[in-house]
Amino acid sequence: MRIGEVAERTALSFRSLRHWDDVGLVQPSARTEGGFRLYTEKDVERILIIRRMKPLGYTLDEMRELLDVVDALTIHPSDIALRARIDEIRDGADQRRQKLTEQLAMADEFVQLLGQL
């Protein structure tokens, strides 16, 4: 599929998709003769992983590391070290999520306060 369809399916901008390609985070599986990006379902799944990491404040390097671990697990699904790393990443994601929950509660308080003025 072309970038427009991927952007629509993932609710991401062309700019984000192109940037992730430029920095090597997610590269399309192919290109047309005219140079247009072509993505597969697997590419879209990878993009969705990244999209889910964005609100948690992961850096590009952290995203790349997670994707590398996921790729390695595909090849070596029972690797203990890789499983341990995924557990560490999951714990970190949970902590980041908790922080977002706290920030959202503060935002709700602020909106309530404004409603009382």
N, C-alpha and C. Protein backbone atom coordinates (compact mmCIF):
# COMPACT_ATOMS: atom_id res chain seq x y z
N MET A 1 0.84 -1.18 0.00
CA MET A 1 0.00 0.00 0.00
C MET A 1 0.88 1.24 0.00
N ARG A 2 0.34 2.31 -0.51
CA ARG A 2 1.08 3.57 -0.58
C ARG A 2 0.97 4.34 0.74
N ILE A 3 1.80 5.35 0.86
CA ILE A 3 1.90 6.11 2.09
C ILE A 3 0.57 6.74 2.52
N GLY A 4 -0.24 7.16 1.56
CA GLY A 4 -1.52 7.76 1.89
C GLY A 4 -2.43 6.80 2.63
N GLU A 5 -2.49 5.58 2.18
CA GLU A 5 -3.32 4.57 2.85
C GLU A 5 -2.77 4.25 4.23
N VAL A 6 -1.45 4.17 4.33
CA VAL A 6 -0.83 3.89 5.63
C VAL A 6 -1.11 5.04 6.59
N ALA A 7 -0.99 6.27 6.11
CA ALA A 7 -1.27 7.43 6.96
C ALA A 7 -2.71 7.40 7.46
N GLU A 8 -3.62 7.06 6.58
CA GLU A 8 -5.03 6.99 6.97
C GLU A 8 -5.28 5.87 7.97
N ARG A 9 -4.71 4.72 7.74
CA ARG A 9 -4.93 3.56 8.63
C ARG A 9 -4.29 3.74 9.99
N THR A 10 -3.21 4.49 10.06
CA THR A 10 -2.48 4.63 11.32
C THR A 10 -2.74 5.96 12.02
N ALA A 11 -3.49 6.85 11.38
CA ALA A 11 -3.76 8.19 11.91
C ALA A 11 -2.45 8.97 12.14
N LEU A 12 -1.51 8.78 11.24
CA LEU A 12 -0.23 9.50 11.29
C LEU A 12 -0.09 10.36 10.05
N SER A 13 0.75 11.35 10.16
CA SER A 13 0.97 12.24 9.02
C SER A 13 1.99 11.64 8.06
N PHE A 14 1.92 12.10 6.83
CA PHE A 14 2.93 11.72 5.84
C PHE A 14 4.31 12.09 6.38
N ARG A 15 4.37 13.26 7.01
CA ARG A 15 5.64 13.77 7.51
C ARG A 15 6.27 12.80 8.52
N SER A 16 5.45 12.28 9.46
CA SER A 16 5.98 11.32 10.45
C SER A 16 6.48 10.06 9.76
N LEU A 17 5.69 9.55 8.83
CA LEU A 17 6.09 8.32 8.14
C LEU A 17 7.38 8.54 7.34
N ARG A 18 7.48 9.66 6.68
CA ARG A 18 8.70 9.95 5.92
C ARG A 18 9.90 10.13 6.85
N HIS A 19 9.67 10.81 7.96
CA HIS A 19 10.76 11.02 8.92
C HIS A 19 11.26 9.69 9.46
N TRP A 20 10.35 8.81 9.84
CA TRP A 20 10.76 7.51 10.38
C TRP A 20 11.51 6.70 9.33
N ASP A 21 11.16 6.87 8.07
CA ASP A 21 11.90 6.22 6.99
C ASP A 21 13.29 6.84 6.89
N ASP A 22 13.37 8.16 6.91
CA ASP A 22 14.65 8.86 6.78
C ASP A 22 15.63 8.50 7.89
N VAL A 23 15.11 8.30 9.12
CA VAL A 23 16.00 7.97 10.24
C VAL A 23 16.19 6.46 10.41
N GLY A 24 15.58 5.68 9.52
CA GLY A 24 15.77 4.23 9.54
C GLY A 24 14.95 3.48 10.57
N LEU A 25 13.93 4.11 11.11
CA LEU A 25 13.10 3.46 12.12
C LEU A 25 12.16 2.45 11.48
N VAL A 26 11.47 2.88 10.46
CA VAL A 26 10.58 1.99 9.69
C VAL A 26 10.76 2.35 8.24
N GLN A 27 11.25 1.41 7.50
CA GLN A 27 11.43 1.64 6.08
C GLN A 27 10.40 0.83 5.31
N PRO A 28 9.83 1.42 4.27
CA PRO A 28 8.86 0.66 3.47
C PRO A 28 9.53 -0.55 2.85
N SER A 29 8.75 -1.58 2.64
CA SER A 29 9.30 -2.83 2.08
C SER A 29 9.74 -2.69 0.63
N ALA A 30 9.15 -1.72 -0.07
CA ALA A 30 9.49 -1.57 -1.49
C ALA A 30 9.21 -0.13 -1.92
N ARG A 31 9.61 0.14 -3.13
CA ARG A 31 9.31 1.43 -3.77
C ARG A 31 8.90 1.15 -5.20
N THR A 32 8.04 2.03 -5.70
CA THR A 32 7.66 1.91 -7.11
C THR A 32 8.82 2.38 -7.97
N GLU A 33 8.69 2.18 -9.26
CA GLU A 33 9.73 2.66 -10.18
C GLU A 33 9.90 4.17 -10.07
N GLY A 34 8.82 4.85 -9.71
CA GLY A 34 8.87 6.30 -9.55
C GLY A 34 9.36 6.74 -8.18
N GLY A 35 9.68 5.78 -7.30
CA GLY A 35 10.23 6.11 -5.99
C GLY A 35 9.21 6.24 -4.87
N PHE A 36 7.93 5.96 -5.16
CA PHE A 36 6.92 6.05 -4.11
C PHE A 36 7.05 4.89 -3.14
N ARG A 37 6.87 5.19 -1.86
CA ARG A 37 7.00 4.17 -0.82
C ARG A 37 5.83 3.18 -0.91
N LEU A 38 6.16 1.90 -0.71
CA LEU A 38 5.15 0.85 -0.66
C LEU A 38 5.32 0.07 0.64
N TYR A 39 4.22 -0.07 1.37
CA TYR A 39 4.24 -0.71 2.68
C TYR A 39 3.44 -1.99 2.66
N THR A 40 3.86 -2.93 3.51
CA THR A 40 3.14 -4.19 3.70
C THR A 40 2.37 -4.13 5.02
N GLU A 41 1.57 -5.14 5.27
CA GLU A 41 0.86 -5.23 6.56
C GLU A 41 1.87 -5.30 7.71
N LYS A 42 2.96 -6.01 7.50
CA LYS A 42 3.99 -6.09 8.54
C LYS A 42 4.59 -4.71 8.83
N ASP A 43 4.79 -3.92 7.79
CA ASP A 43 5.29 -2.55 7.97
C ASP A 43 4.29 -1.74 8.80
N VAL A 44 3.01 -1.89 8.51
CA VAL A 44 1.98 -1.15 9.24
C VAL A 44 1.97 -1.57 10.71
N GLU A 45 2.11 -2.86 10.98
CA GLU A 45 2.17 -3.33 12.37
C GLU A 45 3.34 -2.67 13.10
N ARG A 46 4.45 -2.57 12.44
CA ARG A 46 5.64 -1.94 13.03
C ARG A 46 5.38 -0.45 13.29
N ILE A 47 4.75 0.21 12.35
CA ILE A 47 4.41 1.61 12.51
C ILE A 47 3.48 1.81 13.70
N LEU A 48 2.52 0.91 13.85
CA LEU A 48 1.58 1.01 14.97
C LEU A 48 2.28 0.83 16.32
N ILE A 49 3.30 0.00 16.37
CA ILE A 49 4.08 -0.13 17.61
C ILE A 49 4.71 1.22 17.95
N ILE A 50 5.29 1.86 16.96
CA ILE A 50 5.92 3.16 17.18
C ILE A 50 4.89 4.20 17.59
N ARG A 51 3.76 4.20 16.90
CA ARG A 51 2.72 5.17 17.23
C ARG A 51 2.27 5.02 18.69
N ARG A 52 2.23 3.80 19.17
CA ARG A 52 1.83 3.56 20.56
C ARG A 52 2.90 4.00 21.55
N MET A 53 4.14 4.06 21.11
CA MET A 53 5.24 4.49 21.98
C MET A 53 5.32 6.01 22.08
N LYS A 54 4.88 6.71 21.05
CA LYS A 54 5.02 8.18 20.99
C LYS A 54 4.44 8.88 22.22
N PRO A 55 3.20 8.58 22.63
CA PRO A 55 2.65 9.32 23.78
C PRO A 55 3.40 9.06 25.09
N LEU A 56 4.16 7.99 25.12
CA LEU A 56 4.91 7.65 26.33
C LEU A 56 6.28 8.33 26.35
N GLY A 57 6.59 9.09 25.32
CA GLY A 57 7.81 9.89 25.33
C GLY A 57 9.08 9.15 24.98
N TYR A 58 8.97 8.03 24.28
CA TYR A 58 10.17 7.30 23.89
C TYR A 58 10.95 8.08 22.84
N THR A 59 12.27 8.03 22.94
CA THR A 59 13.12 8.65 21.93
C THR A 59 13.22 7.73 20.72
N LEU A 60 13.73 8.25 19.63
CA LEU A 60 13.92 7.42 18.44
C LEU A 60 14.86 6.25 18.73
N ASP A 61 15.90 6.50 19.51
CA ASP A 61 16.83 5.42 19.84
C ASP A 61 16.15 4.34 20.69
N GLU A 62 15.31 4.77 21.63
CA GLU A 62 14.58 3.79 22.45
C GLU A 62 13.59 2.99 21.60
N MET A 63 12.95 3.67 20.66
CA MET A 63 12.04 2.97 19.75
C MET A 63 12.79 1.95 18.91
N ARG A 64 13.94 2.38 18.41
CA ARG A 64 14.76 1.50 17.58
C ARG A 64 15.20 0.27 18.37
N GLU A 65 15.59 0.49 19.63
CA GLU A 65 16.01 -0.64 20.47
C GLU A 65 14.87 -1.64 20.66
N LEU A 66 13.67 -1.13 20.96
CA LEU A 66 12.53 -2.02 21.14
C LEU A 66 12.26 -2.81 19.86
N LEU A 67 12.27 -2.13 18.73
CA LEU A 67 12.03 -2.82 17.46
C LEU A 67 13.10 -3.87 17.19
N ASP A 68 14.34 -3.59 17.55
CA ASP A 68 15.41 -4.57 17.39
C ASP A 68 15.15 -5.80 18.26
N VAL A 69 14.69 -5.57 19.48
CA VAL A 69 14.39 -6.69 20.38
C VAL A 69 13.22 -7.50 19.83
N VAL A 70 12.19 -6.82 19.35
CA VAL A 70 11.03 -7.51 18.77
C VAL A 70 11.46 -8.33 17.56
N ASP A 71 12.29 -7.75 16.71
CA ASP A 71 12.80 -8.49 15.54
C ASP A 71 13.60 -9.71 15.96
N ALA A 72 14.45 -9.54 16.95
CA ALA A 72 15.27 -10.66 17.42
C ALA A 72 14.40 -11.76 18.03
N LEU A 73 13.35 -11.37 18.74
CA LEU A 73 12.44 -12.36 19.32
C LEU A 73 11.70 -13.16 18.25
N THR A 74 11.48 -12.55 17.11
CA THR A 74 10.85 -13.26 16.00
C THR A 74 11.74 -14.41 15.54
N ILE A 75 13.03 -14.17 15.57
CA ILE A 75 14.00 -15.19 15.13
C ILE A 75 14.31 -16.17 16.26
N HIS A 76 14.41 -15.67 17.50
CA HIS A 76 14.77 -16.48 18.67
C HIS A 76 13.72 -16.30 19.77
N PRO A 77 12.52 -16.88 19.59
CA PRO A 77 11.42 -16.62 20.52
C PRO A 77 11.65 -17.09 21.96
N SER A 78 12.57 -17.99 22.18
CA SER A 78 12.78 -18.48 23.55
C SER A 78 14.06 -17.93 24.19
N ASP A 79 14.67 -16.94 23.57
CA ASP A 79 15.89 -16.35 24.11
C ASP A 79 15.58 -15.66 25.44
N ILE A 80 16.21 -16.14 26.49
CA ILE A 80 15.94 -15.65 27.85
C ILE A 80 16.33 -14.18 28.00
N ALA A 81 17.47 -13.79 27.46
CA ALA A 81 17.93 -12.40 27.58
C ALA A 81 16.97 -11.45 26.87
N LEU A 82 16.49 -11.85 25.69
CA LEU A 82 15.55 -11.01 24.96
C LEU A 82 14.23 -10.89 25.72
N ARG A 83 13.77 -12.00 26.28
CA ARG A 83 12.53 -11.97 27.07
C ARG A 83 12.69 -11.06 28.28
N ALA A 84 13.85 -11.12 28.92
CA ALA A 84 14.11 -10.26 30.08
C ALA A 84 14.10 -8.79 29.66
N ARG A 85 14.68 -8.51 28.49
CA ARG A 85 14.70 -7.11 28.01
C ARG A 85 13.30 -6.62 27.72
N ILE A 86 12.47 -7.48 27.13
CA ILE A 86 11.07 -7.10 26.87
C ILE A 86 10.35 -6.81 28.19
N ASP A 87 10.62 -7.60 29.21
CA ASP A 87 10.02 -7.36 30.53
C ASP A 87 10.45 -6.01 31.09
N GLU A 88 11.73 -5.68 30.93
CA GLU A 88 12.23 -4.38 31.39
C GLU A 88 11.56 -3.23 30.63
N ILE A 89 11.42 -3.40 29.34
CA ILE A 89 10.78 -2.37 28.53
C ILE A 89 9.31 -2.22 28.94
N ARG A 90 8.65 -3.34 29.18
CA ARG A 90 7.25 -3.31 29.62
C ARG A 90 7.12 -2.59 30.96
N ASP A 91 8.02 -2.88 31.89
CA ASP A 91 7.99 -2.20 33.19
C ASP A 91 8.19 -0.69 33.01
N GLY A 92 9.11 -0.31 32.15
CA GLY A 92 9.33 1.11 31.89
C GLY A 92 8.12 1.76 31.25
N ALA A 93 7.48 1.05 30.34
CA ALA A 93 6.27 1.58 29.69
C ALA A 93 5.17 1.76 30.72
N ASP A 94 5.07 0.82 31.64
CA ASP A 94 4.04 0.93 32.69
C ASP A 94 4.30 2.16 33.56
N GLN A 95 5.55 2.42 33.89
CA GLN A 95 5.89 3.61 34.68
C GLN A 95 5.56 4.89 33.91
N ARG A 96 5.86 4.90 32.63
CA ARG A 96 5.56 6.07 31.81
C ARG A 96 4.04 6.28 31.72
N ARG A 97 3.30 5.18 31.60
CA ARG A 97 1.85 5.26 31.54
C ARG A 97 1.29 5.83 32.83
N GLN A 98 1.83 5.39 33.96
CA GLN A 98 1.39 5.89 35.26
C GLN A 98 1.61 7.40 35.35
N LYS A 99 2.74 7.86 34.87
CA LYS A 99 3.03 9.29 34.88
C LYS A 99 2.01 10.05 34.04
N LEU A 100 1.67 9.50 32.88
CA LEU A 100 0.66 10.14 32.03
C LEU A 100 -0.70 10.18 32.73
N THR A 101 -1.04 9.11 33.43
CA THR A 101 -2.29 9.07 34.17
C THR A 101 -2.34 10.19 35.21
N GLU A 102 -1.23 10.38 35.90
CA GLU A 102 -1.14 11.45 36.90
C GLU A 102 -1.26 12.82 36.24
N GLN A 103 -0.61 13.00 35.10
CA GLN A 103 -0.69 14.27 34.39
C GLN A 103 -2.12 14.53 33.90
N LEU A 104 -2.79 13.49 33.45
CA LEU A 104 -4.17 13.64 33.00
C LEU A 104 -5.08 14.03 34.16
N ALA A 105 -4.85 13.47 35.33
CA ALA A 105 -5.63 13.84 36.50
C ALA A 105 -5.43 15.32 36.83
N MET A 106 -4.18 15.79 36.73
CA MET A 106 -3.92 17.21 36.97
C MET A 106 -4.61 18.08 35.92
N ALA A 107 -4.61 17.64 34.68
CA ALA A 107 -5.29 18.39 33.62
C ALA A 107 -6.78 18.46 33.89
N ASP A 108 -7.36 17.34 34.35
CA ASP A 108 -8.78 17.33 34.69
C ASP A 108 -9.09 18.32 35.81
N GLU A 109 -8.21 18.37 36.81
CA GLU A 109 -8.39 19.32 37.91
C GLU A 109 -8.36 20.76 37.39
N PHE A 110 -7.44 21.02 36.48
CA PHE A 110 -7.31 22.36 35.92
C PHE A 110 -8.58 22.75 35.15
N VAL A 111 -9.09 21.83 34.35
CA VAL A 111 -10.31 22.10 33.58
C VAL A 111 -11.48 22.37 34.53
N GLN A 112 -11.57 21.60 35.61
CA GLN A 112 -12.61 21.82 36.61
C GLN A 112 -12.47 23.21 37.25
N LEU A 113 -11.25 23.56 37.57
CA LEU A 113 -10.99 24.87 38.16
C LEU A 113 -11.44 25.99 37.23
N LEU A 114 -11.11 25.86 35.96
CA LEU A 114 -11.51 26.87 34.99
C LEU A 114 -13.04 26.94 34.89
N GLY A 115 -13.68 25.80 35.03
CA GLY A 115 -15.14 25.77 34.97
C GLY A 115 -15.78 26.47 36.16
N GLN A 116 -15.06 26.57 37.26
CA GLN A 116 -15.57 27.20 38.46
C GLN A 116 -15.36 28.71 38.47
N LEU A 117 -14.52 29.20 37.56
CA LEU A 117 -14.22 30.64 37.53
C LEU A 117 -15.34 31.43 36.87
